[in-house]
């Protein structure tokens, strides 16, 4: 690959990078899209849910052509006890029209990068960017592992994931702390289409998403189960600091969940086709690095743009890629790729749903300190299930007496009335920034 000059180089062909490349290429910019994997999506992982916005703003009615799995018409939240479950859910047939879908990244990412290629972006796959090229402190391109692999550009958009080596080289990305990332493990479990639809009470093309807490050895973690066309996506994400403290492997948690009677019934007879693991940035608003400088911008997971509360990451990555791409287009029109112009990007992030939502939930980590995490993710799910068991148990005891016992037990779980107040206050702060 001979030395070549581009308007922009995008590092990483995940959702953030592909959208950035498409946004710039569709406006006539000369763009190189670099991906270290054999193809886009080869090394990427997410739970499995894809939201309508912001992709619909970029590709109107994209669901008519994108390789999606099922339209999610039911969203459930489970509290797991040892051999029980308390459920809260919502189902609406209207969601089948256009709201949320399940997807597989290996298919979706290829489609999305293909859109960038169709717009004119030059694909450079199976290529590792080893360092950023600089002149007088300004980023002017990238060096790759190919022979004669230097690519020069007016701007480099960094979208190389949670462990961004390029961001570290800029000294904006320190090593993430164990309480800022979770380790997610996931299995793709093959099941016949009709079996899935029968077990989850679905019609053809309809899907269900289930998120659950509990049965994670008291560690901060959220599990998920999504229905695909002919498979289920089952996984769990656990905070790295908890895994380190308890010396538990994440696959051990997942294996335990697979034996839970409520989950075992849903995956029974399935065949594991894929197992994968991935770090998920969860530091949120307070962990976001500097987003732009002379000749560069950073977006997606590399910039900690994940909402751990609502389990949103892919849609935030795509929106950040769009905003970075639009900023680059404006910079080209001005002929200025210094931080003076590129600083429009972090301002756009702050004014967008990304910045507003991440700021709203920036107090989340305060809720996970001390015993609060063990209470919320360990004791509360079990206590709620035990309370409901006793409430509905037919044993001749008056319901009034049962209700008193249940309230006393729940208060004890959270440390009495004062503990409940403290926990509620922490929760309020976490949910209201």
Protein backbone atom coordinates (compact mmCIF):
# COMPACT_ATOMS: atom_id res chain seq x y z
CA UNK A 1 0.00 0.00 0.00
CA UNK A 2 1.77 3.16 -1.17
CA UNK A 3 1.71 6.40 0.75
CA UNK A 4 -1.57 8.15 -0.02
CA UNK A 5 -3.39 11.32 1.07
CA UNK A 6 -7.03 11.28 2.13
CA UNK A 7 -9.36 13.90 3.48
CA UNK A 8 -10.06 11.57 6.39
CA UNK A 9 -8.97 8.23 7.79
CA UNK A 10 -11.37 6.32 10.04
CA UNK A 11 -9.85 3.67 12.31
CA UNK A 12 -12.39 0.96 13.12
CA UNK A 13 -15.29 -0.25 10.97
CA UNK A 14 -17.75 -0.76 13.79
CA UNK A 15 -21.00 1.26 13.95
CA UNK A 16 -19.26 4.52 14.96
CA UNK A 17 -16.53 4.28 12.32
CA UNK A 18 -18.77 3.14 9.48
CA UNK A 19 -21.31 5.90 10.09
CA UNK A 20 -18.52 8.50 10.28
CA UNK A 21 -17.05 7.20 7.00
CA UNK A 22 -20.47 7.20 5.32
CA UNK A 23 -21.27 10.73 6.53
CA UNK A 24 -18.04 12.12 5.10
CA UNK A 25 -17.92 10.07 1.89
CA UNK A 26 -21.52 10.94 1.02
CA UNK A 27 -20.46 14.61 1.07
CA UNK A 28 -17.66 14.01 -1.39
CA UNK A 29 -14.76 13.60 1.01
CA UNK A 30 -12.02 11.09 0.20
CA UNK A 31 -12.17 8.61 3.07
CA UNK A 32 -10.25 5.47 4.07
CA UNK A 33 -12.04 3.05 6.40
CA UNK A 34 -9.53 0.82 8.22
CA UNK A 35 -10.51 -2.36 10.05
CA UNK A 36 -8.18 -4.85 11.71
CA UNK A 37 -10.61 -7.74 11.32
CA UNK A 38 -11.00 -9.88 8.23
CA UNK A 39 -14.25 -8.02 7.64
CA UNK A 40 -16.39 -5.52 9.63
CA UNK A 41 -18.10 -7.32 12.49
CA UNK A 42 -15.59 -10.16 12.66
CA UNK A 43 -14.30 -8.97 16.06
CA UNK A 44 -17.31 -7.04 17.37
CA UNK A 45 -19.84 -8.03 20.01
CA UNK A 46 -22.96 -6.56 21.58
CA UNK A 47 -25.93 -7.91 23.43
CA UNK A 48 -28.18 -8.01 20.44
CA UNK A 49 -30.65 -5.08 20.50
CA UNK A 50 -30.61 -2.32 17.89
CA UNK A 51 -32.73 0.82 18.34
CA UNK A 52 -34.48 2.78 15.60
CA UNK A 53 -32.76 6.10 16.25
CA UNK A 54 -30.39 7.44 15.09
CA UNK A 55 -29.99 5.04 12.15
CA UNK A 56 -33.40 5.90 10.73
CA UNK A 57 -32.30 9.53 10.41
CA UNK A 58 -29.35 8.47 8.28
CA UNK A 59 -30.95 5.62 6.31
CA UNK A 60 -34.73 6.17 6.36
CA UNK A 61 -36.63 2.91 6.81
CA UNK A 62 -33.35 1.00 7.01
CA UNK A 63 -35.18 -1.98 8.52
CA UNK A 64 -36.54 -2.84 5.09
CA UNK A 65 -33.06 -3.79 3.86
CA UNK A 66 -30.75 -4.20 6.85
CA UNK A 67 -29.93 -7.77 8.01
CA UNK A 68 -32.04 -7.65 11.17
CA UNK A 69 -33.29 -10.66 13.10
CA UNK A 70 -36.63 -9.93 14.80
CA UNK A 71 -38.72 -6.87 15.67
CA UNK A 72 -38.91 -6.67 19.46
CA UNK A 73 -42.54 -6.43 20.54
CA UNK A 74 -41.98 -7.45 24.17
CA UNK A 75 -39.38 -6.14 26.62
CA UNK A 76 -39.09 -7.88 29.98
CA UNK A 77 -37.08 -7.28 33.14
CA UNK A 78 -36.50 -10.18 35.52
CA UNK A 79 -35.36 -10.40 39.15
CA UNK A 80 -33.88 -13.86 39.56
CA UNK A 81 -34.09 -15.78 42.80
CA UNK A 82 -32.37 -19.11 43.39
CA UNK A 83 -35.11 -21.09 41.65
CA UNK A 84 -37.68 -18.38 40.90
CA UNK A 85 -38.24 -15.16 38.97
CA UNK A 86 -40.19 -11.94 39.46
CA UNK A 87 -41.14 -10.41 36.12
CA UNK A 88 -41.97 -6.97 34.84
CA UNK A 89 -42.64 -6.52 31.16
CA UNK A 90 -44.41 -4.66 28.43
CA UNK A 91 -45.72 -5.95 25.11
CA UNK A 92 -47.23 -3.98 22.24
CA UNK A 93 -48.00 -5.13 18.72
CA UNK A 94 -47.28 -1.61 17.46
CA UNK A 95 -43.57 -2.19 18.11
CA UNK A 96 -43.52 -4.65 15.24
CA UNK A 97 -43.73 -1.72 12.84
CA UNK A 98 -40.45 0.03 13.71
CA UNK A 99 -38.85 0.49 17.13
CA UNK A 100 -36.23 -2.06 18.24
CA UNK A 101 -34.77 -5.13 16.58
CA UNK A 102 -32.47 -7.95 17.50
CA UNK A 103 -29.41 -8.26 15.30
CA UNK A 104 -26.12 -10.11 14.90
CA UNK A 105 -23.10 -7.85 14.55
CA UNK A 106 -21.32 -10.16 12.12
CA UNK A 107 -24.12 -9.43 9.63
CA UNK A 108 -25.11 -5.91 10.60
CA UNK A 109 -21.61 -4.43 10.65
CA UNK A 110 -20.85 -5.77 7.17
CA UNK A 111 -24.03 -4.16 5.87
CA UNK A 112 -23.28 -0.85 7.55
CA UNK A 113 -19.68 -0.73 6.30
CA UNK A 114 -21.05 -1.60 2.86
CA UNK A 115 -23.10 1.60 2.97
CA UNK A 116 -19.92 3.57 3.58
CA UNK A 117 -18.22 1.79 0.69
CA UNK A 118 -21.16 2.53 -1.62
CA UNK A 119 -20.84 6.20 -0.67
CA UNK A 120 -17.20 6.11 -1.79
CA UNK A 121 -15.19 5.19 1.31
CA UNK A 122 -12.13 3.07 0.52
CA UNK A 123 -12.14 -0.18 2.56
CA UNK A 124 -8.78 -1.17 4.07
CA UNK A 125 -9.47 -4.38 5.98
CA UNK A 126 -7.20 -6.89 7.74
CA UNK A 127 -5.01 -3.92 8.58
CA UNK A 128 -3.76 -2.79 11.99
CA UNK A 129 -3.05 0.86 12.69
CA UNK A 130 0.12 0.86 14.78
CA UNK A 131 0.47 4.57 15.48
CA UNK A 132 -0.65 8.07 14.63
CA UNK A 133 1.54 10.23 12.41
CA UNK A 134 2.18 13.74 13.71
CA UNK A 135 3.75 16.92 12.46
CA UNK A 136 4.26 19.87 14.80
CA UNK A 137 1.88 18.30 17.30
CA UNK A 138 -0.93 17.83 14.77
CA UNK A 139 -2.17 14.39 13.74
CA UNK A 140 -1.63 14.06 9.97
CA UNK A 141 -2.29 10.37 9.34
CA UNK A 142 -1.72 6.81 10.49
CA UNK A 143 0.93 4.13 10.20
CA UNK A 144 -0.28 0.60 9.50
CA UNK A 145 1.28 -2.86 9.65
CA UNK A 146 1.37 -3.09 5.85
CA UNK A 147 4.50 -2.49 3.81
CA UNK A 148 4.70 1.20 2.91
CA UNK A 149 1.52 1.51 4.91
CA UNK A 150 1.49 5.19 5.90
CA UNK A 151 -1.78 6.96 5.11
CA UNK A 152 -1.94 10.74 5.38
CA UNK A 153 -5.14 12.66 6.04
CA UNK A 154 -6.44 16.02 7.17
CA UNK A 155 -8.30 14.35 10.02
CA UNK A 156 -8.23 10.95 11.72
CA UNK A 157 -11.38 9.65 13.41
CA UNK A 158 -10.56 7.13 16.12
CA UNK A 159 -13.23 4.45 16.56
CA UNK A 160 -11.09 1.47 17.52
CA UNK A 161 -13.01 0.31 20.58
CA UNK A 162 -12.77 0.27 24.35
CA UNK A 163 -9.03 -0.46 24.52
CA UNK A 164 -8.09 2.29 22.11
CA UNK A 165 -4.32 2.18 21.70
CA UNK A 166 -4.44 5.29 19.55
CA UNK A 167 -6.24 7.25 22.26
CA UNK A 168 -3.64 6.09 24.76
CA UNK A 169 -0.89 7.32 22.44
CA UNK A 170 -2.54 10.77 22.54
CA UNK A 171 -2.44 10.58 26.36
CA UNK A 172 -6.20 11.11 26.52
CA UNK A 173 -7.02 7.50 27.29
CA UNK A 174 -5.52 6.15 30.48
CA UNK A 175 -5.93 2.53 31.47
CA UNK A 176 -9.53 2.05 32.50
CA UNK A 177 -10.07 1.31 36.17
CA UNK A 178 -11.76 -2.03 37.06
CA UNK A 179 -14.91 -0.18 38.13
CA UNK A 180 -15.17 1.54 34.73
CA UNK A 181 -15.50 -1.56 32.54
CA UNK A 182 -17.48 -4.75 32.62
CA UNK A 183 -16.59 -8.03 30.99
CA UNK A 184 -19.44 -9.42 28.95
CA UNK A 185 -19.65 -13.02 27.79
CA UNK A 186 -22.23 -14.22 25.35
CA UNK A 187 -23.39 -17.41 23.66
CA UNK A 188 -25.34 -17.79 20.45
CA UNK A 189 -27.61 -20.80 20.98
CA UNK A 190 -29.21 -22.29 17.89
CA UNK A 191 -32.88 -23.29 18.06
CA UNK A 192 -35.46 -23.91 15.31
CA UNK A 193 -37.49 -20.87 14.33
CA UNK A 194 -40.79 -22.48 15.29
CA UNK A 195 -39.45 -23.56 18.68
CA UNK A 196 -38.45 -19.98 19.49
CA UNK A 197 -41.83 -18.63 18.47
CA UNK A 198 -43.69 -21.26 20.47
CA UNK A 199 -41.63 -20.80 23.64
CA UNK A 200 -41.81 -17.01 23.62
CA UNK A 201 -45.39 -16.75 22.31
CA UNK A 202 -44.36 -14.95 19.12
CA UNK A 203 -45.61 -14.76 15.58
CA UNK A 204 -43.25 -14.88 12.63
CA UNK A 205 -40.79 -11.99 12.70
CA UNK A 206 -41.62 -10.97 16.28
CA UNK A 207 -39.03 -10.95 19.03
CA UNK A 208 -38.54 -10.64 22.77
CA UNK A 209 -35.78 -9.07 24.85
CA UNK A 210 -35.20 -10.05 28.47
CA UNK A 211 -32.81 -8.33 30.87
CA UNK A 212 -32.25 -9.72 34.33
CA UNK A 213 -30.35 -9.23 37.57
CA UNK A 214 -29.71 -11.64 40.39
CA UNK A 215 -27.82 -14.91 40.75
CA UNK A 216 -24.48 -13.20 40.04
CA UNK A 217 -22.86 -14.01 43.41
CA UNK A 218 -23.75 -10.51 44.61
CA UNK A 219 -21.65 -8.91 41.87
CA UNK A 220 -22.78 -5.92 39.81
CA UNK A 221 -24.03 -7.52 36.62
CA UNK A 222 -26.89 -7.55 34.14
CA UNK A 223 -27.86 -10.50 32.00
CA UNK A 224 -29.70 -10.53 28.72
CA UNK A 225 -31.54 -12.92 26.44
CA UNK A 226 -32.64 -11.90 22.93
CA UNK A 227 -34.52 -13.89 20.34
CA UNK A 228 -33.04 -14.07 16.83
CA UNK A 229 -34.54 -15.77 13.78
CA UNK A 230 -33.08 -19.17 14.56
CA UNK A 231 -31.02 -18.61 17.68
CA UNK A 232 -30.96 -16.99 21.09
CA UNK A 233 -28.36 -14.49 22.32
CA UNK A 234 -27.70 -15.21 25.99
CA UNK A 235 -25.10 -13.31 27.97
CA UNK A 236 -24.05 -11.54 31.13
CA UNK A 237 -21.90 -8.49 31.84
CA UNK A 238 -20.09 -8.26 35.19
CA UNK A 239 -18.01 -5.36 36.51
CA UNK A 240 -14.32 -6.24 36.31
CA UNK A 241 -13.59 -5.03 39.85
CA UNK A 242 -16.16 -7.51 41.21
CA UNK A 243 -14.74 -10.40 39.18
CA UNK A 244 -11.30 -9.52 40.49
CA UNK A 245 -12.41 -9.31 44.13
CA UNK A 246 -14.38 -12.55 44.08
CA UNK A 247 -11.99 -14.40 41.76
CA UNK A 248 -14.85 -15.66 39.63
CA UNK A 249 -14.68 -16.20 35.88
CA UNK A 250 -17.53 -14.64 33.89
CA UNK A 251 -18.24 -17.89 32.06
CA UNK A 252 -18.86 -19.51 35.45
CA UNK A 253 -21.64 -16.98 36.07
CA UNK A 254 -23.07 -17.62 32.62
CA UNK A 255 -22.96 -21.40 33.11
CA UNK A 256 -24.81 -20.97 36.39
CA UNK A 257 -27.47 -18.84 34.75
CA UNK A 258 -27.98 -21.48 32.06
CA UNK A 259 -28.89 -23.92 34.84
CA UNK A 260 -31.46 -21.57 36.38
CA UNK A 261 -34.83 -23.30 35.88
CA UNK A 262 -36.44 -20.25 34.25
CA UNK A 263 -33.66 -19.84 31.72
CA UNK A 264 -32.97 -23.54 31.25
CA UNK A 265 -36.50 -24.04 29.94
CA UNK A 266 -36.02 -21.36 27.28
CA UNK A 267 -32.71 -22.69 25.94
CA UNK A 268 -33.49 -26.39 26.31
CA UNK A 269 -32.44 -28.42 23.28
CA UNK A 270 -30.36 -25.57 21.86
CA UNK A 271 -26.84 -25.95 20.50
CA UNK A 272 -24.14 -23.41 21.36
CA UNK A 273 -22.79 -22.11 18.05
CA UNK A 274 -20.64 -19.25 19.29
CA UNK A 275 -19.00 -18.08 22.50
CA UNK A 276 -17.42 -14.64 22.79
CA UNK A 277 -16.22 -12.12 25.36
CA UNK A 278 -15.76 -8.38 25.21
CA UNK A 279 -14.97 -5.47 27.51
CA UNK A 280 -17.78 -2.92 27.80
CA UNK A 281 -16.94 0.67 28.84
CA UNK A 282 -19.26 1.73 31.65
CA UNK A 283 -17.54 4.74 33.17
CA UNK A 284 -19.95 6.99 31.30
CA UNK A 285 -19.94 10.77 31.49
CA UNK A 286 -17.17 11.18 34.07
CA UNK A 287 -14.83 8.79 32.20
CA UNK A 288 -15.16 10.31 28.74
CA UNK A 289 -11.77 11.49 27.45
CA UNK A 290 -11.00 14.65 25.50
CA UNK A 291 -12.96 14.16 22.28
CA UNK A 292 -11.06 16.27 19.75
CA UNK A 293 -7.70 17.87 19.05
CA UNK A 294 -5.61 19.10 16.14
CA UNK A 295 -6.34 16.66 13.33
CA UNK A 296 -8.32 14.06 15.30
CA UNK A 297 -11.62 13.10 16.92
CA UNK A 298 -12.66 10.05 18.94
CA UNK A 299 -16.06 8.36 19.17
CA UNK A 300 -18.01 5.27 20.20
CA UNK A 301 -16.68 2.80 22.77
CA UNK A 302 -13.22 4.37 22.51
CA UNK A 303 -14.76 7.47 24.11
CA UNK A 304 -16.74 5.58 26.81
CA UNK A 305 -20.04 6.36 25.09
CA UNK A 306 -22.12 3.62 26.66
CA UNK A 307 -25.20 4.10 28.83
CA UNK A 308 -24.93 1.29 31.38
CA UNK A 309 -28.34 2.09 32.87
CA UNK A 310 -30.34 1.63 29.68
CA UNK A 311 -27.83 -0.82 28.12
CA UNK A 312 -27.36 1.39 25.08
CA UNK A 313 -24.09 1.50 23.21
CA UNK A 314 -24.49 0.80 19.51
CA UNK A 315 -26.95 3.61 18.88
CA UNK A 316 -24.75 6.06 20.82
CA UNK A 317 -21.75 4.93 18.78
CA UNK A 318 -23.60 5.54 15.52
CA UNK A 319 -24.76 8.99 16.58
CA UNK A 320 -21.26 9.95 17.70
CA UNK A 321 -19.90 8.76 14.35
CA UNK A 322 -22.45 10.90 12.53
CA UNK A 323 -21.56 13.98 14.60
CA UNK A 324 -17.84 13.41 14.08
CA UNK A 325 -18.41 13.00 10.34
CA UNK A 326 -20.48 16.17 10.12
CA UNK A 327 -17.79 18.09 12.00
CA UNK A 328 -15.17 16.84 9.56
CA UNK A 329 -17.32 17.98 6.62
CA UNK A 330 -17.58 21.46 8.17
CA UNK A 331 -13.82 21.49 8.75
CA UNK A 332 -13.16 20.67 5.10
CA UNK A 333 -15.46 23.48 4.00
CA UNK A 334 -13.48 25.88 6.21
CA UNK A 335 -10.13 24.40 5.29
CA UNK A 336 -9.32 24.15 8.99
CA UNK A 337 -8.76 20.82 10.76
CA UNK A 338 -7.35 22.27 13.95
CA UNK A 339 -9.04 21.94 17.32
CA UNK A 340 -10.52 25.38 16.72
CA UNK A 341 -12.99 23.84 14.27
CA UNK A 342 -13.02 20.24 15.48
CA UNK A 343 -14.09 21.40 18.95
CA UNK A 344 -17.57 21.67 17.42
CA UNK A 345 -17.72 17.89 17.81
CA UNK A 346 -17.52 17.66 21.63
CA UNK A 347 -19.97 20.54 21.82
CA UNK A 348 -22.35 18.62 19.56
CA UNK A 349 -21.94 15.54 21.78
CA UNK A 350 -22.79 17.57 24.90
CA UNK A 351 -25.93 18.94 23.23
CA UNK A 352 -27.05 15.55 21.91
CA UNK A 353 -28.93 12.70 23.54
CA UNK A 354 -25.54 11.10 24.17
CA UNK A 355 -24.28 13.88 26.41
CA UNK A 356 -27.60 14.58 28.08
CA UNK A 357 -28.34 10.94 28.97
CA UNK A 358 -24.80 10.13 30.11
CA UNK A 359 -24.80 13.24 32.28
CA UNK A 360 -28.19 12.31 33.73
CA UNK A 361 -26.87 8.94 34.92
CA UNK A 362 -23.35 10.03 35.86
CA UNK A 363 -23.98 9.22 39.54
CA UNK A 364 -24.48 5.53 38.83
CA UNK A 365 -21.11 4.50 40.22
CA UNK A 366 -21.98 6.06 43.56
CA UNK A 367 -24.81 3.58 43.78
CA UNK A 368 -22.39 0.69 43.31
CA UNK A 369 -20.12 1.55 46.23
CA UNK A 370 -19.72 -0.35 49.49
CA UNK A 371 -22.54 -2.81 50.23
CA UNK A 372 -25.08 -1.14 47.96
CA UNK A 373 -24.11 -3.30 44.99
CA UNK A 374 -24.31 -6.54 46.94
CA UNK A 375 -27.70 -5.51 48.28
CA UNK A 376 -29.14 -4.47 44.92
CA UNK A 377 -27.72 -7.27 42.80
CA UNK A 378 -27.70 -10.05 45.36
CA UNK A 379 -29.99 -9.68 48.34
CA UNK A 380 -32.85 -7.65 46.83
CA UNK A 381 -33.67 -10.03 43.94
CA UNK A 382 -33.73 -13.00 46.31
CA UNK A 383 -35.74 -11.12 48.95
CA UNK A 384 -38.35 -9.95 46.43
CA UNK A 385 -38.80 -13.49 45.15
CA UNK A 386 -39.05 -14.89 48.66
CA UNK A 387 -41.59 -12.21 49.59
CA UNK A 388 -43.78 -13.03 46.61
CA UNK A 389 -43.50 -16.73 47.33
CA UNK A 390 -44.78 -16.21 50.85
CA UNK A 391 -47.49 -13.79 49.70
CA UNK A 392 -49.00 -16.29 47.26
CA UNK A 393 -48.38 -19.40 49.39
CA UNK A 394 -51.63 -20.98 50.55
CA UNK A 395 -50.85 -21.82 54.18
CA UNK A 396 -53.83 -20.45 56.10
CA UNK A 397 -51.94 -17.38 57.35
CA UNK A 398 -53.85 -14.07 57.02
CA UNK A 399 -52.58 -11.83 54.24
CA UNK A 400 -52.35 -8.91 56.65
CA UNK A 401 -49.82 -10.79 58.79
CA UNK A 402 -47.92 -11.87 55.69
CA UNK A 403 -47.66 -8.33 54.42
CA UNK A 404 -46.19 -7.18 57.76
CA UNK A 405 -43.60 -9.97 57.65
CA UNK A 406 -42.72 -9.18 54.05
CA UNK A 407 -42.18 -5.49 54.76
CA UNK A 408 -40.09 -6.31 57.82
CA UNK A 409 -37.97 -8.71 55.78
CA UNK A 410 -37.44 -6.22 52.94
CA UNK A 411 -36.47 -3.45 55.37
CA UNK A 412 -33.96 -5.80 56.96
CA UNK A 413 -32.49 -6.61 53.54
CA UNK A 414 -31.66 -2.96 52.84
CA UNK A 415 -30.47 -2.19 56.39
CA UNK A 416 -33.63 -1.01 58.07
CA UNK A 417 -35.55 2.20 57.48
CA UNK A 418 -32.39 4.31 57.53
CA UNK A 419 -30.69 1.98 55.07
CA UNK A 420 -33.71 2.18 52.78
CA UNK A 421 -33.61 5.98 52.88
CA UNK A 422 -29.89 6.02 52.11
CA UNK A 423 -30.32 3.59 49.25
CA UNK A 424 -33.24 5.59 47.87
CA UNK A 425 -31.23 8.80 48.04
CA UNK A 426 -28.30 7.16 46.25
CA UNK A 427 -30.68 5.86 43.61
CA UNK A 428 -32.23 9.30 43.14
CA UNK A 429 -28.84 10.93 42.69
CA UNK A 430 -27.72 8.23 40.27
CA UNK A 431 -30.83 8.56 38.14
CA UNK A 432 -30.91 12.35 38.14
CA UNK A 433 -27.28 13.29 37.56
